[in-house]
Amino acid sequence: MFTPSSLLTTLVSCLGFWILNKSLNSNNLIIIPVPDKYAGLTRYKWRNVVGSLVHATVVSIVGAFCLYTTPQYLQDRVETYTSLGEFNIAVTIGYLIYDTRDLLQHQGVTSTWPILLHHLTLISTGLHMFFYHQRLLGYGIICSLIEFNSVFLHARQLLLMYSFSKSSGIYKLNNVFNIVTYVAFRLAIFTTLFPFVWEDCGRITPLLCNGFLLCVSILLVINLVLFYRLIKSDFFSTNRKDDTDILINNNINNGKSK
């Protein structure tokens, strides 16, 4: 059944990201400058990336700490449970709830329906499996490590927003970490999930097992395609921010492809 702590953490997380975004909308509260081209009506895009960067940083660090202190998450991904692990998932669900509301307010359903579908799927799955049944938490913790890569993807988008050249030192440095973590965390984790889910199929319903395998397959293909576009954009294109950059930002950044 739902625990008061999980519901409270989800609510506080949602409220926290709402407060963060409100403060980023106020010139009197923010301590970092807003890019000139995002100072007007498109300011929500900039603050959305900043909020996503905060979420990715918190969730990835806490997820890694969970695995370090509770290695049983890797051995028994179905039944292992800790309050800190539940907290980490609750923070993500609260963030997804707020981000869903933010997307609907500023961009509507038509242009963001794939992202909204992704968010609603994760929210419903998280609430049902992680909180109500308190099972499969290990998968949520393992997947939270993908956010290490999201940190550098969000940083990449912010550098582009602040008009940093792709030939600049800071962009190239971030690019190295971006590529390494994309392979080491994003692609490696999606690939590792196949044997994990197959091993656990006898402990979960066939519908859930087949659904997991299908989702992981789709996500792996999508991320391989996006990885190709990322490499092409940063290593084999001109310095301009082209359609590839926009596609990468919309699909990978903001935690939308996890």
C-alpha atoms as a PDB file:
ATOM      1  CA  MET A   1       0.000   0.000   0.000  1.00  0.00           C
ATOM      2  CA  PHE A   2       1.027   3.615  -0.345  1.00  0.00           C
ATOM      3  CA  THR A   3       3.203   4.936   2.465  1.00  0.00           C
ATOM      4  CA  PRO A   4       2.686   8.476   3.771  1.00  0.00           C
ATOM      5  CA  SER A   5       6.387   9.205   3.239  1.00  0.00           C
ATOM      6  CA  SER A   6       6.301   8.326  -0.479  1.00  0.00           C
ATOM      7  CA  LEU A   7       3.227  10.460  -1.131  1.00  0.00           C
ATOM      8  CA  LEU A   8       4.611  13.349   0.929  1.00  0.00           C
ATOM      9  CA  THR A   9       7.981  13.228  -0.856  1.00  0.00           C
ATOM     10  CA  THR A  10       6.229  13.203  -4.244  1.00  0.00           C
ATOM     11  CA  LEU A  11       4.165  16.222  -3.249  1.00  0.00           C
ATOM     12  CA  VAL A  12       7.160  18.116  -1.836  1.00  0.00           C
ATOM     13  CA  SER A  13       9.200  17.311  -4.960  1.00  0.00           C
ATOM     14  CA  CYS A  14       6.455  18.600  -7.232  1.00  0.00           C
ATOM     15  CA  LEU A  15       6.084  21.742  -5.131  1.00  0.00           C
ATOM     16  CA  GLY A  16       9.855  22.192  -4.979  1.00  0.00           C
ATOM     17  CA  PHE A  17      10.249  22.192  -8.752  1.00  0.00           C
ATOM     18  CA  TRP A  18       7.321  24.595  -9.053  1.00  0.00           C
ATOM     19  CA  ILE A  19       9.060  26.981  -6.612  1.00  0.00           C
ATOM     20  CA  LEU A  20      12.363  26.587  -8.468  1.00  0.00           C
ATOM     21  CA  ASN A  21      10.763  27.437 -11.792  1.00  0.00           C
ATOM     22  CA  LYS A  22       8.930  30.397 -10.289  1.00  0.00           C
ATOM     23  CA  SER A  23      12.197  31.738  -8.906  1.00  0.00           C
ATOM     24  CA  LEU A  24      13.854  31.300 -12.317  1.00  0.00           C
ATOM     25  CA  ASN A  25      11.057  33.409 -13.762  1.00  0.00           C
ATOM     26  CA  SER A  26      11.833  36.247 -11.368  1.00  0.00           C
ATOM     27  CA  ASN A  27      14.716  38.574 -12.209  1.00  0.00           C
ATOM     28  CA  ASN A  28      14.984  39.492  -8.525  1.00  0.00           C
ATOM     29  CA  LEU A  29      15.557  35.931  -7.301  1.00  0.00           C
ATOM     30  CA  ILE A  30      17.836  34.257  -9.821  1.00  0.00           C
ATOM     31  CA  ILE A  31      21.613  34.423  -9.403  1.00  0.00           C
ATOM     32  CA  ILE A  32      22.517  33.266 -12.927  1.00  0.00           C
ATOM     33  CA  PRO A  33      21.922  35.373 -16.025  1.00  0.00           C
ATOM     34  CA  VAL A  34      19.258  34.414 -18.533  1.00  0.00           C
ATOM     35  CA  PRO A  35      20.473  34.018 -22.139  1.00  0.00           C
ATOM     36  CA  ASP A  36      19.408  37.070 -24.123  1.00  0.00           C
ATOM     37  CA  LYS A  37      17.467  35.078 -26.693  1.00  0.00           C
ATOM     38  CA  TYR A  38      15.545  33.306 -23.902  1.00  0.00           C
ATOM     39  CA  ALA A  39      14.756  36.389 -21.840  1.00  0.00           C
ATOM     40  CA  GLY A  40      11.331  36.894 -23.408  1.00  0.00           C
ATOM     41  CA  LEU A  41       8.441  34.569 -24.147  1.00  0.00           C
ATOM     42  CA  THR A  42      10.725  31.562 -24.592  1.00  0.00           C
ATOM     43  CA  ARG A  43      12.221  31.910 -21.105  1.00  0.00           C
ATOM     44  CA  TYR A  44      10.328  28.782 -20.030  1.00  0.00           C
ATOM     45  CA  LYS A  45      12.634  26.692 -22.251  1.00  0.00           C
ATOM     46  CA  TRP A  46      15.709  27.892 -20.373  1.00  0.00           C
ATOM     47  CA  ARG A  47      14.267  27.427 -16.892  1.00  0.00           C
ATOM     48  CA  ASN A  48      12.933  24.011 -17.887  1.00  0.00           C
ATOM     49  CA  VAL A  49      16.460  22.874 -18.734  1.00  0.00           C
ATOM     50  CA  VAL A  50      17.835  24.316 -15.485  1.00  0.00           C
ATOM     51  CA  GLY A  51      15.154  22.488 -13.502  1.00  0.00           C
ATOM     52  CA  SER A  52      15.896  19.277 -15.370  1.00  0.00           C
ATOM     53  CA  LEU A  53      19.602  19.669 -14.603  1.00  0.00           C
ATOM     54  CA  VAL A  54      18.818  19.987 -10.892  1.00  0.00           C
ATOM     55  CA  HIS A  55      16.622  16.871 -11.023  1.00  0.00           C
ATOM     56  CA  ALA A  56      19.225  14.839 -12.917  1.00  0.00           C
ATOM     57  CA  THR A  57      21.994  15.823 -10.504  1.00  0.00           C
ATOM     58  CA  VAL A  58      20.026  14.940  -7.368  1.00  0.00           C
ATOM     59  CA  VAL A  59      18.546  11.672  -8.638  1.00  0.00           C
ATOM     60  CA  SER A  60      21.794  10.337 -10.127  1.00  0.00           C
ATOM     61  CA  ILE A  61      23.815  10.990  -6.962  1.00  0.00           C
ATOM     62  CA  VAL A  62      21.175   9.528  -4.659  1.00  0.00           C
ATOM     63  CA  GLY A  63      20.726   6.527  -6.980  1.00  0.00           C
ATOM     64  CA  ALA A  64      24.461   5.814  -6.949  1.00  0.00           C
ATOM     65  CA  PHE A  65      24.503   6.115  -3.151  1.00  0.00           C
ATOM     66  CA  CYS A  66      21.585   3.654  -2.933  1.00  0.00           C
ATOM     67  CA  LEU A  67      23.485   1.088  -4.995  1.00  0.00           C
ATOM     68  CA  TYR A  68      26.664   1.652  -2.976  1.00  0.00           C
ATOM     69  CA  THR A  69      24.973   1.200   0.403  1.00  0.00           C
ATOM     70  CA  THR A  70      22.485  -1.454  -0.757  1.00  0.00           C
ATOM     71  CA  PRO A  71      24.111  -3.634  -3.451  1.00  0.00           C
ATOM     72  CA  GLN A  72      21.157  -6.014  -3.064  1.00  0.00           C
ATOM     73  CA  TYR A  73      19.379  -3.757  -5.559  1.00  0.00           C
ATOM     74  CA  LEU A  74      21.498  -5.407  -8.247  1.00  0.00           C
ATOM     75  CA  GLN A  75      20.938  -8.926  -6.943  1.00  0.00           C
ATOM     76  CA  ASP A  76      17.224  -8.774  -6.129  1.00  0.00           C
ATOM     77  CA  ARG A  77      15.686  -6.065  -8.250  1.00  0.00           C
ATOM     78  CA  VAL A  78      12.117  -7.143  -7.497  1.00  0.00           C
ATOM     79  CA  GLU A  79      11.858  -7.280  -3.707  1.00  0.00           C
ATOM     80  CA  THR A  80      14.717  -5.119  -2.393  1.00  0.00           C
ATOM     81  CA  TYR A  81      13.350  -2.010  -0.708  1.00  0.00           C
ATOM     82  CA  THR A  82      14.850   0.915   1.208  1.00  0.00           C
ATOM     83  CA  SER A  83      13.324   4.192   2.264  1.00  0.00           C
ATOM     84  CA  LEU A  84      16.086   6.121   0.479  1.00  0.00           C
ATOM     85  CA  GLY A  85      15.374   4.257  -2.745  1.00  0.00           C
ATOM     86  CA  GLU A  86      11.692   5.057  -2.403  1.00  0.00           C
ATOM     87  CA  PHE A  87      12.624   8.695  -1.766  1.00  0.00           C
ATOM     88  CA  ASN A  88      14.650   8.818  -4.985  1.00  0.00           C
ATOM     89  CA  ILE A  89      11.798   7.444  -7.076  1.00  0.00           C
ATOM     90  CA  ALA A  90       9.341   9.807  -5.369  1.00  0.00           C
ATOM     91  CA  VAL A  91      11.509  12.814  -6.264  1.00  0.00           C
ATOM     92  CA  THR A  92      11.455  11.727  -9.913  1.00  0.00           C
ATOM     93  CA  ILE A  93       7.700  11.178  -9.967  1.00  0.00           C
ATOM     94  CA  GLY A  94       7.135  14.590  -8.372  1.00  0.00           C
ATOM     95  CA  TYR A  95       9.376  16.142 -11.017  1.00  0.00           C
ATOM     96  CA  LEU A  96       7.512  14.335 -13.823  1.00  0.00           C
ATOM     97  CA  ILE A  97       4.157  15.514 -12.481  1.00  0.00           C
ATOM     98  CA  TYR A  98       5.337  19.119 -12.425  1.00  0.00           C
ATOM     99  CA  ASP A  99       7.019  18.855 -15.830  1.00  0.00           C
ATOM    100  CA  THR A 100       3.824  17.425 -17.331  1.00  0.00           C
ATOM    101  CA  ARG A 101       1.910  20.429 -16.070  1.00  0.00           C
ATOM    102  CA  ASP A 102       4.613  22.802 -17.350  1.00  0.00           C
ATOM    103  CA  LEU A 103       4.601  21.238 -20.828  1.00  0.00           C
ATOM    104  CA  LEU A 104       0.827  21.433 -21.083  1.00  0.00           C
ATOM    105  CA  GLN A 105       0.857  25.076 -20.001  1.00  0.00           C
ATOM    106  CA  HIS A 106       3.526  26.304 -22.413  1.00  0.00           C
ATOM    107  CA  GLN A 107       3.547  23.912 -25.370  1.00  0.00           C
ATOM    108  CA  GLY A 108       0.260  22.029 -25.388  1.00  0.00           C
ATOM    109  CA  VAL A 109      -0.506  18.425 -26.316  1.00  0.00           C
ATOM    110  CA  THR A 110       0.082  18.505 -30.068  1.00  0.00           C
ATOM    111  CA  SER A 111       3.802  19.243 -30.011  1.00  0.00           C
ATOM    112  CA  THR A 112       4.663  17.298 -26.858  1.00  0.00           C
ATOM    113  CA  TRP A 113       2.417  14.211 -26.898  1.00  0.00           C
ATOM    114  CA  PRO A 114       5.337  11.704 -27.053  1.00  0.00           C
ATOM    115  CA  ILE A 115       6.918  13.329 -24.004  1.00  0.00           C
ATOM    116  CA  LEU A 116       3.579  13.483 -22.199  1.00  0.00           C
ATOM    117  CA  LEU A 117       2.956   9.803 -22.953  1.00  0.00           C
ATOM    118  CA  HIS A 118       6.405   8.976 -21.584  1.00  0.00           C
ATOM    119  CA  HIS A 119       5.750  10.988 -18.423  1.00  0.00           C
ATOM    120  CA  LEU A 120       2.292   9.536 -17.786  1.00  0.00           C
ATOM    121  CA  THR A 121       3.581   5.997 -18.313  1.00  0.00           C
ATOM    122  CA  LEU A 122       6.395   6.481 -15.807  1.00  0.00           C
ATOM    123  CA  ILE A 123       4.128   8.222 -13.303  1.00  0.00           C
ATOM    124  CA  SER A 124       1.471   5.493 -13.402  1.00  0.00           C
ATOM    125  CA  THR A 125       4.072   2.710 -13.334  1.00  0.00           C
ATOM    126  CA  GLY A 126       5.946   4.319 -10.475  1.00  0.00           C
ATOM    127  CA  LEU A 127       2.871   4.920  -8.373  1.00  0.00           C
ATOM    128  CA  HIS A 128       1.507   1.425  -8.975  1.00  0.00           C
ATOM    129  CA  MET A 129       4.599  -0.784  -8.804  1.00  0.00           C
ATOM    130  CA  PHE A 130       7.112   1.152  -6.696  1.00  0.00           C
ATOM    131  CA  PHE A 131       4.786   2.706  -4.136  1.00  0.00           C
ATOM    132  CA  TYR A 132       1.591   0.652  -3.934  1.00  0.00           C
ATOM    133  CA  HIS A 133       3.187  -2.806  -4.239  1.00  0.00           C
ATOM    134  CA  GLN A 134       6.697  -1.703  -3.202  1.00  0.00           C
ATOM    135  CA  ARG A 135       8.243  -4.026  -5.798  1.00  0.00           C
ATOM    136  CA  LEU A 136      10.677  -3.618  -8.717  1.00  0.00           C
ATOM    137  CA  LEU A 137      12.347  -0.716  -6.934  1.00  0.00           C
ATOM    138  CA  GLY A 138      15.720  -2.058  -8.054  1.00  0.00           C
ATOM    139  CA  TYR A 139      14.903  -1.272 -11.671  1.00  0.00           C
ATOM    140  CA  GLY A 140      14.046   2.289 -10.770  1.00  0.00           C
ATOM    141  CA  ILE A 141      17.306   2.729  -8.875  1.00  0.00           C
ATOM    142  CA  ILE A 142      19.390   1.213 -11.666  1.00  0.00           C
ATOM    143  CA  CYS A 143      17.712   3.432 -14.258  1.00  0.00           C
ATOM    144  CA  SER A 144      18.322   6.500 -12.103  1.00  0.00           C
ATOM    145  CA  LEU A 145      22.023   6.157 -12.991  1.00  0.00           C
ATOM    146  CA  ILE A 146      21.091   7.163 -16.544  1.00  0.00           C
ATOM    147  CA  GLU A 147      20.653  10.646 -15.102  1.00  0.00           C
ATOM    148  CA  PHE A 148      24.449  10.944 -14.860  1.00  0.00           C
ATOM    149  CA  ASN A 149      24.409  11.259 -18.620  1.00  0.00           C
ATOM    150  CA  SER A 150      21.418  13.600 -18.482  1.00  0.00           C
ATOM    151  CA  VAL A 151      23.524  16.032 -16.436  1.00  0.00           C
ATOM    152  CA  PHE A 152      25.936  16.497 -19.340  1.00  0.00           C
ATOM    153  CA  LEU A 153      23.148  16.510 -21.915  1.00  0.00           C
ATOM    154  CA  HIS A 154      21.433  19.342 -20.042  1.00  0.00           C
ATOM    155  CA  ALA A 155      24.774  21.123 -19.715  1.00  0.00           C
ATOM    156  CA  ARG A 156      25.210  20.740 -23.473  1.00  0.00           C
ATOM    157  CA  GLN A 157      21.856  22.376 -24.111  1.00  0.00           C
ATOM    158  CA  LEU A 158      22.628  25.229 -21.708  1.00  0.00           C
ATOM    159  CA  LEU A 159      25.950  25.856 -23.443  1.00  0.00           C
ATOM    160  CA  LEU A 160      24.105  26.102 -26.753  1.00  0.00           C
ATOM    161  CA  MET A 161      21.531  28.424 -25.174  1.00  0.00           C
ATOM    162  CA  TYR A 162      24.349  30.676 -23.951  1.00  0.00           C
ATOM    163  CA  SER A 163      25.778  30.654 -27.504  1.00  0.00           C
ATOM    164  CA  PHE A 164      28.990  28.812 -26.694  1.00  0.00           C
ATOM    165  CA  SER A 165      30.778  27.678 -29.802  1.00  0.00           C
ATOM    166  CA  LYS A 166      31.113  23.952 -30.394  1.00  0.00           C
ATOM    167  CA  SER A 167      34.831  24.595 -30.816  1.00  0.00           C
ATOM    168  CA  SER A 168      35.155  26.196 -27.358  1.00  0.00           C
ATOM    169  CA  GLY A 169      37.117  24.403 -24.658  1.00  0.00           C
ATOM    170  CA  ILE A 170      34.244  24.087 -22.216  1.00  0.00           C
ATOM    171  CA  TYR A 171      31.941  22.659 -24.876  1.00  0.00           C
ATOM    172  CA  LYS A 172      34.569  20.122 -25.953  1.00  0.00           C
ATOM    173  CA  LEU A 173      35.196  19.099 -22.326  1.00  0.00           C
ATOM    174  CA  ASN A 174      31.494  18.631 -21.677  1.00  0.00           C
ATOM    175  CA  ASN A 175      31.266  16.754 -24.956  1.00  0.00           C
ATOM    176  CA  VAL A 176      33.821  14.183 -23.783  1.00  0.00           C
ATOM    177  CA  PHE A 177      31.907  13.520 -20.558  1.00  0.00           C
ATOM    178  CA  ASN A 178      28.676  13.506 -22.530  1.00  0.00           C
ATOM    179  CA  ILE A 179      29.813  10.781 -24.935  1.00  0.00           C
ATOM    180  CA  VAL A 180      31.482   8.668 -22.232  1.00  0.00           C
ATOM    181  CA  THR A 181      28.463   8.749 -19.908  1.00  0.00           C
ATOM    182  CA  TYR A 182      26.080   8.167 -22.810  1.00  0.00           C
ATOM    183  CA  VAL A 183      27.803   4.863 -23.513  1.00  0.00           C
ATOM    184  CA  ALA A 184      28.684   3.910 -19.929  1.00  0.00           C
ATOM    185  CA  PHE A 185      25.339   4.739 -18.356  1.00  0.00           C
ATOM    186  CA  ARG A 186      22.575   5.226 -20.905  1.00  0.00           C
ATOM    187  CA  LEU A 187      23.367   2.572 -23.540  1.00  0.00           C
ATOM    188  CA  ALA A 188      25.020   0.117 -21.144  1.00  0.00           C
ATOM    189  CA  ILE A 189      22.114   0.210 -18.699  1.00  0.00           C
ATOM    190  CA  PHE A 190      19.464  -0.253 -21.369  1.00  0.00           C
ATOM    191  CA  THR A 191      21.444  -3.218 -22.718  1.00  0.00           C
ATOM    192  CA  THR A 192      21.894  -4.725 -19.245  1.00  0.00           C
ATOM    193  CA  LEU A 193      18.170  -4.524 -18.548  1.00  0.00           C
ATOM    194  CA  PHE A 194      17.454  -7.302 -21.082  1.00  0.00           C
ATOM    195  CA  PRO A 195      19.058 -10.152 -19.094  1.00  0.00           C
ATOM    196  CA  PHE A 196      17.808  -8.630 -15.840  1.00  0.00           C
ATOM    197  CA  VAL A 197      14.166  -8.595 -16.978  1.00  0.00           C
ATOM    198  CA  TRP A 198      14.489 -12.042 -18.549  1.00  0.00           C
ATOM    199  CA  GLU A 199      15.871 -13.410 -15.284  1.00  0.00           C
ATOM    200  CA  ASP A 200      13.033 -11.855 -13.273  1.00  0.00           C
ATOM    201  CA  CYS A 201      10.198 -12.870 -15.611  1.00  0.00           C
ATOM    202  CA  GLY A 202       9.310 -15.800 -13.380  1.00  0.00           C
ATOM    203  CA  ARG A 203       8.711 -13.439 -10.462  1.00  0.00           C
ATOM    204  CA  ILE A 204       6.416 -11.005 -12.230  1.00  0.00           C
ATOM    205  CA  THR A 205       3.355 -11.386 -14.429  1.00  0.00           C
ATOM    206  CA  PRO A 206       3.881 -12.348 -18.100  1.00  0.00           C
ATOM    207  CA  LEU A 207       2.150  -9.140 -19.179  1.00  0.00           C
ATOM    208  CA  LEU A 208       4.523  -7.015 -17.137  1.00  0.00           C
ATOM    209  CA  CYS A 209       7.554  -9.017 -18.299  1.00  0.00           C
ATOM    210  CA  ASN A 210       6.657  -8.695 -21.975  1.00  0.00           C
ATOM    211  CA  GLY A 211       5.804  -5.034 -21.502  1.00  0.00           C
ATOM    212  CA  PHE A 212       9.193  -4.386 -19.882  1.00  0.00           C
ATOM    213  CA  LEU A 213      11.060  -6.152 -22.670  1.00  0.00           C
ATOM    214  CA  LEU A 214       9.130  -4.231 -25.327  1.00  0.00           C
ATOM    215  CA  CYS A 215       9.719  -0.870 -23.646  1.00  0.00           C
ATOM    216  CA  VAL A 216      13.431  -1.543 -23.155  1.00  0.00           C
ATOM    217  CA  SER A 217      13.773  -2.619 -26.798  1.00  0.00           C
ATOM    218  CA  ILE A 218      12.087   0.542 -28.052  1.00  0.00           C
ATOM    219  CA  LEU A 219      14.108   2.790 -25.745  1.00  0.00           C
ATOM    220  CA  LEU A 220      17.381   1.141 -26.746  1.00  0.00           C
ATOM    221  CA  VAL A 221      16.666   1.646 -30.450  1.00  0.00           C
ATOM    222  CA  ILE A 222      15.632   5.264 -29.873  1.00  0.00           C
ATOM    223  CA  ASN A 223      18.764   6.002 -27.858  1.00  0.00           C
ATOM    224  CA  LEU A 224      21.017   4.370 -30.444  1.00  0.00           C
ATOM    225  CA  VAL A 225      19.482   6.598 -33.133  1.00  0.00           C
ATOM    226  CA  LEU A 226      19.833   9.671 -30.936  1.00  0.00           C
ATOM    227  CA  PHE A 227      23.428   8.733 -30.127  1.00  0.00           C
ATOM    228  CA  TYR A 228      24.172   8.652 -33.842  1.00  0.00           C
ATOM    229  CA  ARG A 229      22.563  12.082 -34.259  1.00  0.00           C
ATOM    230  CA  LEU A 230      24.526  13.411 -31.289  1.00  0.00           C
ATOM    231  CA  ILE A 231      27.832  12.209 -32.745  1.00  0.00           C
ATOM    232  CA  LYS A 232      26.916  13.603 -36.152  1.00  0.00           C
ATOM    233  CA  SER A 233      25.903  16.972 -34.712  1.00  0.00           C
ATOM    234  CA  ASP A 234      28.949  17.486 -32.484  1.00  0.00           C
ATOM    235  CA  PHE A 235      31.676  15.949 -34.623  1.00  0.00           C
ATOM    236  CA  PHE A 236      30.570  16.106 -38.252  1.00  0.00           C
ATOM    237  CA  SER A 237      28.503  19.290 -38.600  1.00  0.00           C
ATOM    238  CA  THR A 238      29.097  23.024 -38.718  1.00  0.00           C
ATOM    239  CA  ASN A 239      28.948  25.230 -35.637  1.00  0.00           C
ATOM    240  CA  ARG A 240      25.374  26.307 -36.199  1.00  0.00           C
ATOM    241  CA  LYS A 241      22.559  24.983 -34.066  1.00  0.00           C
ATOM    242  CA  ASP A 242      20.748  22.892 -36.631  1.00  0.00           C
ATOM    243  CA  ASP A 243      17.677  20.692 -36.603  1.00  0.00           C
ATOM    244  CA  THR A 244      19.718  17.845 -35.196  1.00  0.00           C
ATOM    245  CA  ASP A 245      20.476  19.850 -32.055  1.00  0.00           C
ATOM    246  CA  ILE A 246      16.801  20.666 -31.620  1.00  0.00           C
ATOM    247  CA  LEU A 247      15.806  17.027 -32.061  1.00  0.00           C
ATOM    248  CA  ILE A 248      18.440  15.864 -29.582  1.00  0.00           C
ATOM    249  CA  ASN A 249      17.379  18.460 -27.035  1.00  0.00           C
ATOM    250  CA  ASN A 250      13.702  17.549 -27.353  1.00  0.00           C
ATOM    251  CA  ASN A 251      14.213  13.793 -27.127  1.00  0.00           C
ATOM    252  CA  ILE A 252      17.192  13.180 -24.866  1.00  0.00           C
ATOM    253  CA  ASN A 253      17.355  16.224 -22.648  1.00  0.00           C
ATOM    254  CA  ASN A 254      15.013  16.880 -19.809  1.00  0.00           C
ATOM    255  CA  GLY A 255      15.119  13.170 -19.022  1.00  0.00           C
ATOM    256  CA  LYS A 256      12.620  12.503 -21.767  1.00  0.00           C
ATOM    257  CA  SER A 257      14.211   9.399 -23.219  1.00  0.00           C
ATOM    258  CA  LYS A 258      14.783   7.420 -20.064  1.00  0.00           C
END
